[in-house]
Structures are given as structure tokens and as C-alpha cells.
């Protein structure tokens, strides 16, 4: 299993803010890692979450539901693309 990695990038569209791109293989822990890092780095600021997984079957739908539960109550503003 490939581990998730992070790379800080500067987004010129967001003044003075930092975005972190997390990449990795399927089911490698990207979401869990990203959520923990976001909460740690947010310092009480807003947390935005862009979820892009498509529910292509029952297993995918179960993962999406699990991810939603993981984010629940942690302060994320979610956008499901």
C-alpha cells in the first residue's frame, strides 16, 4: 500500500493562505491524514473539504459514508464535487 504524501503549494487565488496537496494510492489513508493535518494546522480557522469520489458502487458508497462520518463534528465545510 502506497502511503499518502503532502506537498505545500501556494495558491495565488487565495491571498496569503497555504494549500496542501495530498496524493497517494486508493485507500492509502489520504483522507484520514488530510483531516488530521487540517485540524492541526487550522488554528481555529475555517476548514474546507473538497470531496471528489464518485459513488460507482456499494463499496464506494460505503467509503463515502465512512468519510462523511469521519468529518462530522470536526468543523469542516464540505463541498462534494
Protein backbone atom coordinates (compact mmCIF):
# COMPACT_ATOMS: atom_id res chain seq x y z
CA UNK A 1 0.00 0.00 0.00
CA UNK A 2 1.35 3.40 -1.00
CA UNK A 3 1.46 5.98 1.81
CA UNK A 4 -0.14 9.41 1.45
CA UNK A 5 2.28 12.30 0.94
CA UNK A 6 1.81 16.03 1.24
CA UNK A 7 3.22 18.91 -0.74
CA UNK A 8 2.64 22.54 0.27
CA UNK A 9 1.75 24.78 -2.66
CA UNK A 10 0.92 28.46 -2.78
CA UNK A 11 -2.37 29.35 -4.44
CA UNK A 12 -2.30 32.85 -5.86
CA UNK A 13 -6.10 32.95 -5.83
CA UNK A 14 -6.08 32.74 -2.02
CA UNK A 15 -4.19 35.67 -0.56
CA UNK A 16 -1.61 34.60 1.99
CA UNK A 17 -3.15 31.17 2.53
CA UNK A 18 -1.46 27.82 2.05
CA UNK A 19 -2.92 24.80 0.30
CA UNK A 20 -1.55 21.32 0.78
CA UNK A 21 -1.93 18.70 -1.93
CA UNK A 22 -2.08 15.13 -0.60
CA UNK A 23 -1.57 12.31 -3.06
CA UNK A 24 -1.47 8.55 -2.73
CA UNK A 25 -2.96 5.32 -3.92
CA UNK A 26 -6.53 4.18 -3.48
CA UNK A 27 -7.42 3.54 0.19
CA UNK A 28 -3.93 4.63 1.33
CA UNK A 29 -5.11 6.83 4.21
CA UNK A 30 -5.17 10.18 2.39
CA UNK A 31 -8.47 11.34 3.85
CA UNK A 32 -7.65 10.45 7.43
CA UNK A 33 -4.20 12.03 7.16
CA UNK A 34 -5.54 15.17 5.49
CA UNK A 35 -8.28 15.66 8.07
CA UNK A 36 -5.85 15.36 10.98
CA UNK A 37 -3.38 17.77 9.37
CA UNK A 38 -6.12 20.26 8.50
CA UNK A 39 -7.41 20.35 12.07
CA UNK A 40 -3.85 20.64 13.42
CA UNK A 41 -2.89 23.47 11.07
CA UNK A 42 -6.18 25.40 11.13
CA UNK A 43 -5.55 27.23 14.41
CA UNK A 44 -9.31 27.64 14.78
CA UNK A 45 -9.79 29.00 11.27
CA UNK A 46 -12.25 27.64 8.71
CA UNK A 47 -11.75 24.12 7.36
CA UNK A 48 -12.77 23.47 3.75
CA UNK A 49 -13.09 19.93 2.41
CA UNK A 50 -13.48 19.10 -1.29
CA UNK A 51 -14.64 15.50 -1.73
CA UNK A 52 -14.41 14.19 -5.28
CA UNK A 53 -15.03 10.43 -5.05
CA UNK A 54 -17.86 9.19 -7.24
CA UNK A 55 -20.22 6.56 -5.76
CA UNK A 56 -19.57 3.96 -8.50
CA UNK A 57 -20.91 1.02 -6.47
CA UNK A 58 -21.83 -0.24 -2.99
CA UNK A 59 -18.21 -0.34 -1.74
CA UNK A 60 -17.58 3.22 -2.91
CA UNK A 61 -20.82 4.41 -1.33
CA UNK A 62 -19.77 2.77 1.95
CA UNK A 63 -16.39 4.58 1.83
CA UNK A 64 -18.11 7.90 1.12
CA UNK A 65 -20.43 7.36 4.08
CA UNK A 66 -17.46 6.49 6.32
CA UNK A 67 -15.61 9.62 5.21
CA UNK A 68 -18.66 11.76 5.95
CA UNK A 69 -18.87 10.27 9.46
CA UNK A 70 -15.14 10.92 9.99
CA UNK A 71 -15.61 14.63 9.15
CA UNK A 72 -18.81 15.02 11.14
CA UNK A 73 -18.44 17.37 14.10
CA UNK A 74 -14.86 18.39 13.25
CA UNK A 75 -15.75 21.78 11.76
CA UNK A 76 -15.32 21.04 8.07
CA UNK A 77 -17.25 22.95 5.42
CA UNK A 78 -17.68 20.24 2.79
CA UNK A 79 -18.10 20.54 -0.95
CA UNK A 80 -18.86 17.27 -2.71
CA UNK A 81 -17.78 17.66 -6.32
